[in-house]
Amino acid sequence: MPKNTTTPAATRGKPGPQHAQAARTSASAQVATRKRSAEPPAASAKILPEERQQLIAQAAYFIAERRGFSPGNELEDWLQAEAEIEACLKAALQ
């Protein structure tokens, strides 16, 4: 039995769901941009250097754990963790 490929009269000429989603995303991005430029970062988004270092240390531990704690990669683990935490903190401020 063939599928019914006709378009219902109610949806003819209307953009599909992907177009509506793109329009909503674009509009919300514009609103978010205006909002960010108008408001200072929240005080709760600030982090103390000690807290930042603790987050990096924890992330470096989990990175080392994923690779089986093989020796000789500690610096790379730390730098990767630092980059990941910085990206997370930057995203939290936006």
PDB file of N, CA and C in Angstrom:
ATOM      1  N   MET A   1       0.846  -1.172   0.000  1.00  0.00           N
ATOM      2  CA  MET A   1       0.000   0.000   0.000  1.00  0.00           C
ATOM      3  C   MET A   1       0.899   1.246   0.000  1.00  0.00           C
ATOM      4  N   PRO A   2       0.745   2.177  -0.977  1.00  0.00           N
ATOM      5  CA  PRO A   2       1.599   3.365  -1.042  1.00  0.00           C
ATOM      6  C   PRO A   2       1.259   4.358   0.069  1.00  0.00           C
ATOM      7  N   LYS A   3       2.292   5.095   0.479  1.00  0.00           N
ATOM      8  CA  LYS A   3       2.094   6.123   1.513  1.00  0.00           C
ATOM      9  C   LYS A   3       1.343   7.300   0.918  1.00  0.00           C
ATOM     10  N   ASN A   4       0.607   7.974   1.761  1.00  0.00           N
ATOM     11  CA  ASN A   4      -0.090   9.180   1.358  1.00  0.00           C
ATOM     12  C   ASN A   4       0.927  10.321   1.372  1.00  0.00           C
ATOM     13  N   THR A   5       1.253  10.847   0.191  1.00  0.00           N
ATOM     14  CA  THR A   5       2.267  11.890   0.106  1.00  0.00           C
ATOM     15  C   THR A   5       1.669  13.262  -0.129  1.00  0.00           C
ATOM     16  N   THR A   6       0.375  13.392  -0.027  1.00  0.00           N
ATOM     17  CA  THR A   6      -0.236  14.699  -0.233  1.00  0.00           C
ATOM     18  C   THR A   6      -0.032  15.568   0.995  1.00  0.00           C
ATOM     19  N   THR A   7       0.060  16.845   0.761  1.00  0.00           N
ATOM     20  CA  THR A   7       0.233  17.804   1.839  1.00  0.00           C
ATOM     21  C   THR A   7      -1.137  18.291   2.285  1.00  0.00           C
ATOM     22  N   PRO A   8      -1.423  18.276   3.586  1.00  0.00           N
ATOM     23  CA  PRO A   8      -2.721  18.772   4.055  1.00  0.00           C
ATOM     24  C   PRO A   8      -2.899  20.240   3.667  1.00  0.00           C
ATOM     25  N   ALA A   9      -4.112  20.604   3.398  1.00  0.00           N
ATOM     26  CA  ALA A   9      -4.423  21.974   2.972  1.00  0.00           C
ATOM     27  C   ALA A   9      -3.987  23.003   4.022  1.00  0.00           C
ATOM     28  N   ALA A  10      -4.032  22.638   5.276  1.00  0.00           N
ATOM     29  CA  ALA A  10      -3.697  23.578   6.343  1.00  0.00           C
ATOM     30  C   ALA A  10      -2.209  23.934   6.363  1.00  0.00           C
ATOM     31  N   THR A  11      -1.353  23.058   5.801  1.00  0.00           N
ATOM     32  CA  THR A  11       0.080  23.335   5.869  1.00  0.00           C
ATOM     33  C   THR A  11       0.671  23.752   4.525  1.00  0.00           C
ATOM     34  N   ARG A  12      -0.106  23.771   3.460  1.00  0.00           N
ATOM     35  CA  ARG A  12       0.424  24.172   2.156  1.00  0.00           C
ATOM     36  C   ARG A  12       0.868  25.630   2.195  1.00  0.00           C
ATOM     37  N   GLY A  13       2.064  25.874   1.674  1.00  0.00           N
ATOM     38  CA  GLY A  13       2.562  27.238   1.593  1.00  0.00           C
ATOM     39  C   GLY A  13       3.200  27.742   2.877  1.00  0.00           C
ATOM     40  N   LYS A  14       3.135  26.944   3.935  1.00  0.00           N
ATOM     41  CA  LYS A  14       3.749  27.349   5.201  1.00  0.00           C
ATOM     42  C   LYS A  14       5.145  26.751   5.287  1.00  0.00           C
ATOM     43  N   PRO A  15       6.077  27.450   5.933  1.00  0.00           N
ATOM     44  CA  PRO A  15       7.419  26.879   6.080  1.00  0.00           C
ATOM     45  C   PRO A  15       7.381  25.639   6.953  1.00  0.00           C
ATOM     46  N   GLY A  16       8.288  24.723   6.677  1.00  0.00           N
ATOM     47  CA  GLY A  16       8.376  23.487   7.446  1.00  0.00           C
ATOM     48  C   GLY A  16       8.902  23.743   8.842  1.00  0.00           C
ATOM     49  N   PRO A  17       8.905  22.706   9.679  1.00  0.00           N
ATOM     50  CA  PRO A  17       9.354  22.868  11.066  1.00  0.00           C
ATOM     51  C   PRO A  17      10.813  23.294  11.163  1.00  0.00           C
ATOM     52  N   GLN A  18      11.654  22.867  10.198  1.00  0.00           N
ATOM     53  CA  GLN A  18      13.061  23.271  10.270  1.00  0.00           C
ATOM     54  C   GLN A  18      13.208  24.763  10.054  1.00  0.00           C
ATOM     55  N   HIS A  19      12.353  25.366   9.196  1.00  0.00           N
ATOM     56  CA  HIS A  19      12.414  26.807   8.980  1.00  0.00           C
ATOM     57  C   HIS A  19      11.940  27.559  10.220  1.00  0.00           C
ATOM     58  N   ALA A  20      10.914  27.061  10.843  1.00  0.00           N
ATOM     59  CA  ALA A  20      10.390  27.708  12.053  1.00  0.00           C
ATOM     60  C   ALA A  20      11.435  27.648  13.171  1.00  0.00           C
ATOM     61  N   GLN A  21      12.111  26.485  13.290  1.00  0.00           N
ATOM     62  CA  GLN A  21      13.141  26.340  14.324  1.00  0.00           C
ATOM     63  C   GLN A  21      14.286  27.312  14.068  1.00  0.00           C
ATOM     64  N   ALA A  22      14.705  27.445  12.822  1.00  0.00           N
ATOM     65  CA  ALA A  22      15.802  28.363  12.491  1.00  0.00           C
ATOM     66  C   ALA A  22      15.413  29.803  12.818  1.00  0.00           C
ATOM     67  N   ALA A  23      14.169  30.164  12.528  1.00  0.00           N
ATOM     68  CA  ALA A  23      13.707  31.524  12.813  1.00  0.00           C
ATOM     69  C   ALA A  23      13.681  31.782  14.321  1.00  0.00           C
ATOM     70  N   ARG A  24      13.218  30.778  15.097  1.00  0.00           N
ATOM     71  CA  ARG A  24      13.191  30.934  16.557  1.00  0.00           C
ATOM     72  C   ARG A  24      14.606  31.049  17.112  1.00  0.00           C
ATOM     73  N   THR A  25      15.519  30.212  16.605  1.00  0.00           N
ATOM     74  CA  THR A  25      16.895  30.239  17.079  1.00  0.00           C
ATOM     75  C   THR A  25      17.537  31.583  16.773  1.00  0.00           C
ATOM     76  N   SER A  26      17.310  32.086  15.577  1.00  0.00           N
ATOM     77  CA  SER A  26      17.876  33.368  15.181  1.00  0.00           C
ATOM     78  C   SER A  26      17.327  34.491  16.051  1.00  0.00           C
ATOM     79  N   ALA A  27      16.026  34.475  16.279  1.00  0.00           N
ATOM     80  CA  ALA A  27      15.402  35.522  17.095  1.00  0.00           C
ATOM     81  C   ALA A  27      15.900  35.458  18.538  1.00  0.00           C
ATOM     82  N   SER A  28      16.009  34.242  19.076  1.00  0.00           N
ATOM     83  CA  SER A  28      16.467  34.141  20.467  1.00  0.00           C
ATOM     84  C   SER A  28      17.932  34.533  20.585  1.00  0.00           C
ATOM     85  N   ALA A  29      18.724  34.279  19.553  1.00  0.00           N
ATOM     86  CA  ALA A  29      20.133  34.694  19.579  1.00  0.00           C
ATOM     87  C   ALA A  29      20.232  36.215  19.580  1.00  0.00           C
ATOM     88  N   GLN A  30      19.369  36.872  18.815  1.00  0.00           N
ATOM     89  CA  GLN A  30      19.389  38.329  18.783  1.00  0.00           C
ATOM     90  C   GLN A  30      18.993  38.897  20.140  1.00  0.00           C
ATOM     91  N   VAL A  31      17.988  38.322  20.756  1.00  0.00           N
ATOM     92  CA  VAL A  31      17.550  38.782  22.071  1.00  0.00           C
ATOM     93  C   VAL A  31      18.652  38.537  23.086  1.00  0.00           C
ATOM     94  N   ALA A  32      19.283  37.359  23.033  1.00  0.00           N
ATOM     95  CA  ALA A  32      20.350  37.048  23.983  1.00  0.00           C
ATOM     96  C   ALA A  32      21.519  38.000  23.807  1.00  0.00           C
ATOM     97  N   THR A  33      21.844  38.351  22.567  1.00  0.00           N
ATOM     98  CA  THR A  33      22.936  39.281  22.317  1.00  0.00           C
ATOM     99  C   THR A  33      22.629  40.637  22.922  1.00  0.00           C
ATOM    100  N   ARG A  34      21.417  41.110  22.709  1.00  0.00           N
ATOM    101  CA  ARG A  34      21.032  42.394  23.298  1.00  0.00           C
ATOM    102  C   ARG A  34      21.083  42.328  24.813  1.00  0.00           C
ATOM    103  N   LYS A  35      20.617  41.227  25.370  1.00  0.00           N
ATOM    104  CA  LYS A  35      20.586  41.073  26.810  1.00  0.00           C
ATOM    105  C   LYS A  35      21.996  41.086  27.392  1.00  0.00           C
ATOM    106  N   ARG A  36      22.918  40.350  26.758  1.00  0.00           N
ATOM    107  CA  ARG A  36      24.281  40.284  27.260  1.00  0.00           C
ATOM    108  C   ARG A  36      24.957  41.640  27.254  1.00  0.00           C
ATOM    109  N   SER A  37      24.736  42.406  26.200  1.00  0.00           N
ATOM    110  CA  SER A  37      25.411  43.693  26.119  1.00  0.00           C
ATOM    111  C   SER A  37      24.806  44.712  27.077  1.00  0.00           C
ATOM    112  N   ALA A  38      23.549  44.509  27.469  1.00  0.00           N
ATOM    113  CA  ALA A  38      22.880  45.464  28.337  1.00  0.00           C
ATOM    114  C   ALA A  38      23.120  45.186  29.818  1.00  0.00           C
ATOM    115  N   GLU A  39      23.401  43.931  30.166  1.00  0.00           N
ATOM    116  CA  GLU A  39      23.531  43.566  31.569  1.00  0.00           C
ATOM    117  C   GLU A  39      24.966  43.181  31.899  1.00  0.00           C
ATOM    118  N   PRO A  40      25.482  43.618  33.038  1.00  0.00           N
ATOM    119  CA  PRO A  40      26.812  43.168  33.456  1.00  0.00           C
ATOM    120  C   PRO A  40      26.749  41.697  33.859  1.00  0.00           C
ATOM    121  N   PRO A  41      27.882  40.985  33.845  1.00  0.00           N
ATOM    122  CA  PRO A  41      27.882  39.587  34.264  1.00  0.00           C
ATOM    123  C   PRO A  41      27.395  39.459  35.705  1.00  0.00           C
ATOM    124  N   ALA A  42      26.707  38.384  35.988  1.00  0.00           N
ATOM    125  CA  ALA A  42      26.178  38.152  37.329  1.00  0.00           C
ATOM    126  C   ALA A  42      27.333  37.934  38.310  1.00  0.00           C
ATOM    127  N   ALA A  43      27.151  38.385  39.513  1.00  0.00           N
ATOM    128  CA  ALA A  43      28.187  38.238  40.533  1.00  0.00           C
ATOM    129  C   ALA A  43      28.443  36.761  40.836  1.00  0.00           C
ATOM    130  N   SER A  44      27.415  35.920  40.701  1.00  0.00           N
ATOM    131  CA  SER A  44      27.579  34.500  40.990  1.00  0.00           C
ATOM    132  C   SER A  44      28.428  33.807  39.935  1.00  0.00           C
ATOM    133  N   ALA A  45      28.612  34.427  38.759  1.00  0.00           N
ATOM    134  CA  ALA A  45      29.408  33.825  37.695  1.00  0.00           C
ATOM    135  C   ALA A  45      30.903  34.004  37.959  1.00  0.00           C
ATOM    136  N   LYS A  46      31.268  34.886  38.881  1.00  0.00           N
ATOM    137  CA  LYS A  46      32.676  35.093  39.208  1.00  0.00           C
ATOM    138  C   LYS A  46      33.163  33.924  40.050  1.00  0.00           C
ATOM    139  N   ILE A  47      34.438  33.591  39.871  1.00  0.00           N
ATOM    140  CA  ILE A  47      34.988  32.450  40.592  1.00  0.00           C
ATOM    141  C   ILE A  47      36.341  32.850  41.173  1.00  0.00           C
ATOM    142  N   LEU A  48      36.598  32.415  42.366  1.00  0.00           N
ATOM    143  CA  LEU A  48      37.868  32.701  43.023  1.00  0.00           C
ATOM    144  C   LEU A  48      38.985  31.878  42.386  1.00  0.00           C
ATOM    145  N   PRO A  49      40.205  32.387  42.396  1.00  0.00           N
ATOM    146  CA  PRO A  49      41.330  31.635  41.812  1.00  0.00           C
ATOM    147  C   PRO A  49      41.500  30.244  42.434  1.00  0.00           C
ATOM    148  N   GLU A  50      41.264  30.130  43.749  1.00  0.00           N
ATOM    149  CA  GLU A  50      41.387  28.827  44.413  1.00  0.00           C
ATOM    150  C   GLU A  50      40.346  27.848  43.896  1.00  0.00           C
ATOM    151  N   GLU A  51      39.121  28.348  43.675  1.00  0.00           N
ATOM    152  CA  GLU A  51      38.061  27.490  43.146  1.00  0.00           C
ATOM    153  C   GLU A  51      38.377  27.058  41.709  1.00  0.00           C
ATOM    154  N   ARG A  52      38.906  28.000  40.927  1.00  0.00           N
ATOM    155  CA  ARG A  52      39.279  27.700  39.548  1.00  0.00           C
ATOM    156  C   ARG A  52      40.355  26.617  39.515  1.00  0.00           C
ATOM    157  N   GLN A  53      41.366  26.741  40.365  1.00  0.00           N
ATOM    158  CA  GLN A  53      42.437  25.760  40.406  1.00  0.00           C
ATOM    159  C   GLN A  53      41.904  24.395  40.841  1.00  0.00           C
ATOM    160  N   GLN A  54      40.980  24.380  41.782  1.00  0.00           N
ATOM    161  CA  GLN A  54      40.391  23.118  42.237  1.00  0.00           C
ATOM    162  C   GLN A  54      39.612  22.450  41.102  1.00  0.00           C
ATOM    163  N   LEU A  55      38.863  23.229  40.339  1.00  0.00           N
ATOM    164  CA  LEU A  55      38.123  22.680  39.201  1.00  0.00           C
ATOM    165  C   LEU A  55      39.076  22.092  38.162  1.00  0.00           C
ATOM    166  N   ILE A  56      40.166  22.794  37.895  1.00  0.00           N
ATOM    167  CA  ILE A  56      41.156  22.311  36.924  1.00  0.00           C
ATOM    168  C   ILE A  56      41.799  21.020  37.429  1.00  0.00           C
ATOM    169  N   ALA A  57      42.136  20.978  38.715  1.00  0.00           N
ATOM    170  CA  ALA A  57      42.750  19.776  39.291  1.00  0.00           C
ATOM    171  C   ALA A  57      41.819  18.572  39.175  1.00  0.00           C
ATOM    172  N   GLN A  58      40.536  18.779  39.451  1.00  0.00           N
ATOM    173  CA  GLN A  58      39.570  17.684  39.334  1.00  0.00           C
ATOM    174  C   GLN A  58      39.431  17.230  37.880  1.00  0.00           C
ATOM    175  N   ALA A  59      39.356  18.182  36.970  1.00  0.00           N
ATOM    176  CA  ALA A  59      39.236  17.832  35.553  1.00  0.00           C
ATOM    177  C   ALA A  59      40.483  17.088  35.082  1.00  0.00           C
ATOM    178  N   ALA A  60      41.674  17.522  35.519  1.00  0.00           N
ATOM    179  CA  ALA A  60      42.922  16.853  35.140  1.00  0.00           C
ATOM    180  C   ALA A  60      42.948  15.425  35.679  1.00  0.00           C
ATOM    181  N   TYR A  61      42.443  15.234  36.871  1.00  0.00           N
ATOM    182  CA  TYR A  61      42.367  13.883  37.446  1.00  0.00           C
ATOM    183  C   TYR A  61      41.515  12.981  36.572  1.00  0.00           C
ATOM    184  N   PHE A  62      40.343  13.466  36.172  1.00  0.00           N
ATOM    185  CA  PHE A  62      39.449  12.642  35.358  1.00  0.00           C
ATOM    186  C   PHE A  62      40.031  12.382  33.968  1.00  0.00           C
ATOM    187  N   ILE A  63      40.762  13.332  33.429  1.00  0.00           N
ATOM    188  CA  ILE A  63      41.434  13.119  32.143  1.00  0.00           C
ATOM    189  C   ILE A  63      42.485  12.023  32.297  1.00  0.00           C
ATOM    190  N   ALA A  64      43.280  12.094  33.365  1.00  0.00           N
ATOM    191  CA  ALA A  64      44.300  11.073  33.625  1.00  0.00           C
ATOM    192  C   ALA A  64      43.645   9.707  33.853  1.00  0.00           C
ATOM    193  N   GLU A  65      42.529   9.696  34.555  1.00  0.00           N
ATOM    194  CA  GLU A  65      41.817   8.444  34.813  1.00  0.00           C
ATOM    195  C   GLU A  65      41.367   7.800  33.501  1.00  0.00           C
ATOM    196  N   ARG A  66      40.854   8.630  32.569  1.00  0.00           N
ATOM    197  CA  ARG A  66      40.393   8.101  31.281  1.00  0.00           C
ATOM    198  C   ARG A  66      41.535   7.454  30.489  1.00  0.00           C
ATOM    199  N   ARG A  67      42.752   7.939  30.645  1.00  0.00           N
ATOM    200  CA  ARG A  67      43.874   7.363  29.909  1.00  0.00           C
ATOM    201  C   ARG A  67      44.623   6.322  30.739  1.00  0.00           C
ATOM    202  N   GLY A  68      44.088   5.934  31.877  1.00  0.00           N
ATOM    203  CA  GLY A  68      44.662   4.860  32.685  1.00  0.00           C
ATOM    204  C   GLY A  68      45.811   5.276  33.585  1.00  0.00           C
ATOM    205  N   PHE A  69      45.922   6.555  33.892  1.00  0.00           N
ATOM    206  CA  PHE A  69      46.958   7.094  34.783  1.00  0.00           C
ATOM    207  C   PHE A  69      48.381   6.753  34.322  1.00  0.00           C
ATOM    208  N   SER A  70      48.576   6.575  33.019  1.00  0.00           N
ATOM    209  CA  SER A  70      49.943   6.289  32.551  1.00  0.00           C
ATOM    210  C   SER A  70      50.816   7.523  32.801  1.00  0.00           C
ATOM    211  N   PRO A  71      52.025   7.309  33.321  1.00  0.00           N
ATOM    212  CA  PRO A  71      52.890   8.437  33.679  1.00  0.00           C
ATOM    213  C   PRO A  71      53.445   9.157  32.452  1.00  0.00           C
ATOM    214  N   GLY A  72      53.810  10.415  32.660  1.00  0.00           N
ATOM    215  CA  GLY A  72      54.453  11.194  31.617  1.00  0.00           C
ATOM    216  C   GLY A  72      53.542  12.167  30.895  1.00  0.00           C
ATOM    217  N   ASN A  73      52.250  12.185  31.219  1.00  0.00           N
ATOM    218  CA  ASN A  73      51.312  13.067  30.532  1.00  0.00           C
ATOM    219  C   ASN A  73      50.657  14.063  31.479  1.00  0.00           C
ATOM    220  N   GLU A  74      51.232  14.279  32.613  1.00  0.00           N
ATOM    221  CA  GLU A  74      50.602  15.123  33.619  1.00  0.00           C
ATOM    222  C   GLU A  74      50.424  16.561  33.131  1.00  0.00           C
ATOM    223  N   LEU A  75      51.446  17.102  32.479  1.00  0.00           N
ATOM    224  CA  LEU A  75      51.354  18.478  31.994  1.00  0.00           C
ATOM    225  C   LEU A  75      50.266  18.605  30.928  1.00  0.00           C
ATOM    226  N   GLU A  76      50.214  17.660  30.001  1.00  0.00           N
ATOM    227  CA  GLU A  76      49.183  17.693  28.963  1.00  0.00           C
ATOM    228  C   GLU A  76      47.786  17.575  29.573  1.00  0.00           C
ATOM    229  N   ASP A  77      47.657  16.715  30.595  1.00  0.00           N
ATOM    230  CA  ASP A  77      46.370  16.573  31.283  1.00  0.00           C
ATOM    231  C   ASP A  77      45.953  17.903  31.903  1.00  0.00           C
ATOM    232  N   TRP A  78      46.910  18.556  32.575  1.00  0.00           N
ATOM    233  CA  TRP A  78      46.610  19.825  33.244  1.00  0.00           C
ATOM    234  C   TRP A  78      46.208  20.890  32.223  1.00  0.00           C
ATOM    235  N   LEU A  79      46.969  20.993  31.130  1.00  0.00           N
ATOM    236  CA  LEU A  79      46.673  22.014  30.125  1.00  0.00           C
ATOM    237  C   LEU A  79      45.329  21.770  29.445  1.00  0.00           C
ATOM    238  N   GLN A  80      45.018  20.507  29.188  1.00  0.00           N
ATOM    239  CA  GLN A  80      43.712  20.185  28.605  1.00  0.00           C
ATOM    240  C   GLN A  80      42.595  20.532  29.576  1.00  0.00           C
ATOM    241  N   ALA A  81      42.785  20.191  30.842  1.00  0.00           N
ATOM    242  CA  ALA A  81      41.774  20.500  31.864  1.00  0.00           C
ATOM    243  C   ALA A  81      41.597  22.004  32.001  1.00  0.00           C
ATOM    244  N   GLU A  82      42.707  22.731  31.974  1.00  0.00           N
ATOM    245  CA  GLU A  82      42.641  24.183  32.088  1.00  0.00           C
ATOM    246  C   GLU A  82      41.841  24.781  30.920  1.00  0.00           C
ATOM    247  N   ALA A  83      42.078  24.289  29.718  1.00  0.00           N
ATOM    248  CA  ALA A  83      41.345  24.782  28.549  1.00  0.00           C
ATOM    249  C   ALA A  83      39.857  24.462  28.660  1.00  0.00           C
ATOM    250  N   GLU A  84      39.540  23.257  29.121  1.00  0.00           N
ATOM    251  CA  GLU A  84      38.134  22.872  29.269  1.00  0.00           C
ATOM    252  C   GLU A  84      37.418  23.729  30.316  1.00  0.00           C
ATOM    253  N   ILE A  85      38.066  23.956  31.446  1.00  0.00           N
ATOM    254  CA  ILE A  85      37.457  24.758  32.517  1.00  0.00           C
ATOM    255  C   ILE A  85      37.298  26.207  32.067  1.00  0.00           C
ATOM    256  N   GLU A  86      38.296  26.748  31.389  1.00  0.00           N
ATOM    257  CA  GLU A  86      38.194  28.119  30.888  1.00  0.00           C
ATOM    258  C   GLU A  86      37.016  28.248  29.913  1.00  0.00           C
ATOM    259  N   ALA A  87      36.853  27.269  29.040  1.00  0.00           N
ATOM    260  CA  ALA A  87      35.738  27.296  28.086  1.00  0.00           C
ATOM    261  C   ALA A  87      34.400  27.238  28.823  1.00  0.00           C
ATOM    262  N   CYS A  88      34.314  26.400  29.845  1.00  0.00           N
ATOM    263  CA  CYS A  88      33.079  26.309  30.633  1.00  0.00           C
ATOM    264  C   CYS A  88      32.770  27.609  31.353  1.00  0.00           C
ATOM    265  N   LEU A  89      33.788  28.207  31.962  1.00  0.00           N
ATOM    266  CA  LEU A  89      33.574  29.463  32.685  1.00  0.00           C
ATOM    267  C   LEU A  89      33.198  30.595  31.723  1.00  0.00           C
ATOM    268  N   LYS A  90      33.827  30.612  30.575  1.00  0.00           N
ATOM    269  CA  LYS A  90      33.506  31.637  29.582  1.00  0.00           C
ATOM    270  C   LYS A  90      32.059  31.473  29.102  1.00  0.00           C
ATOM    271  N   ALA A  91      31.648  30.245  28.874  1.00  0.00           N
ATOM    272  CA  ALA A  91      30.273  29.978  28.436  1.00  0.00           C
ATOM    273  C   ALA A  91      29.274  30.371  29.537  1.00  0.00           C
ATOM    274  N   ALA A  92      29.650  30.184  30.786  1.00  0.00           N
ATOM    275  CA  ALA A  92      28.756  30.530  31.895  1.00  0.00           C
ATOM    276  C   ALA A  92      28.536  32.041  31.991  1.00  0.00           C
ATOM    277  N   LEU A  93      29.513  32.815  31.554  1.00  0.00           N
ATOM    278  CA  LEU A  93      29.391  34.262  31.603  1.00  0.00           C
ATOM    279  C   LEU A  93      28.539  34.818  30.470  1.00  0.00           C
ATOM    280  N   GLN A  94      28.318  34.027  29.458  1.00  0.00           N
ATOM    281  CA  GLN A  94      27.553  34.526  28.297  1.00  0.00           C
ATOM    282  C   GLN A  94      26.092  34.258  28.422  1.00  0.00           C
TER     283      GLN A  94
END
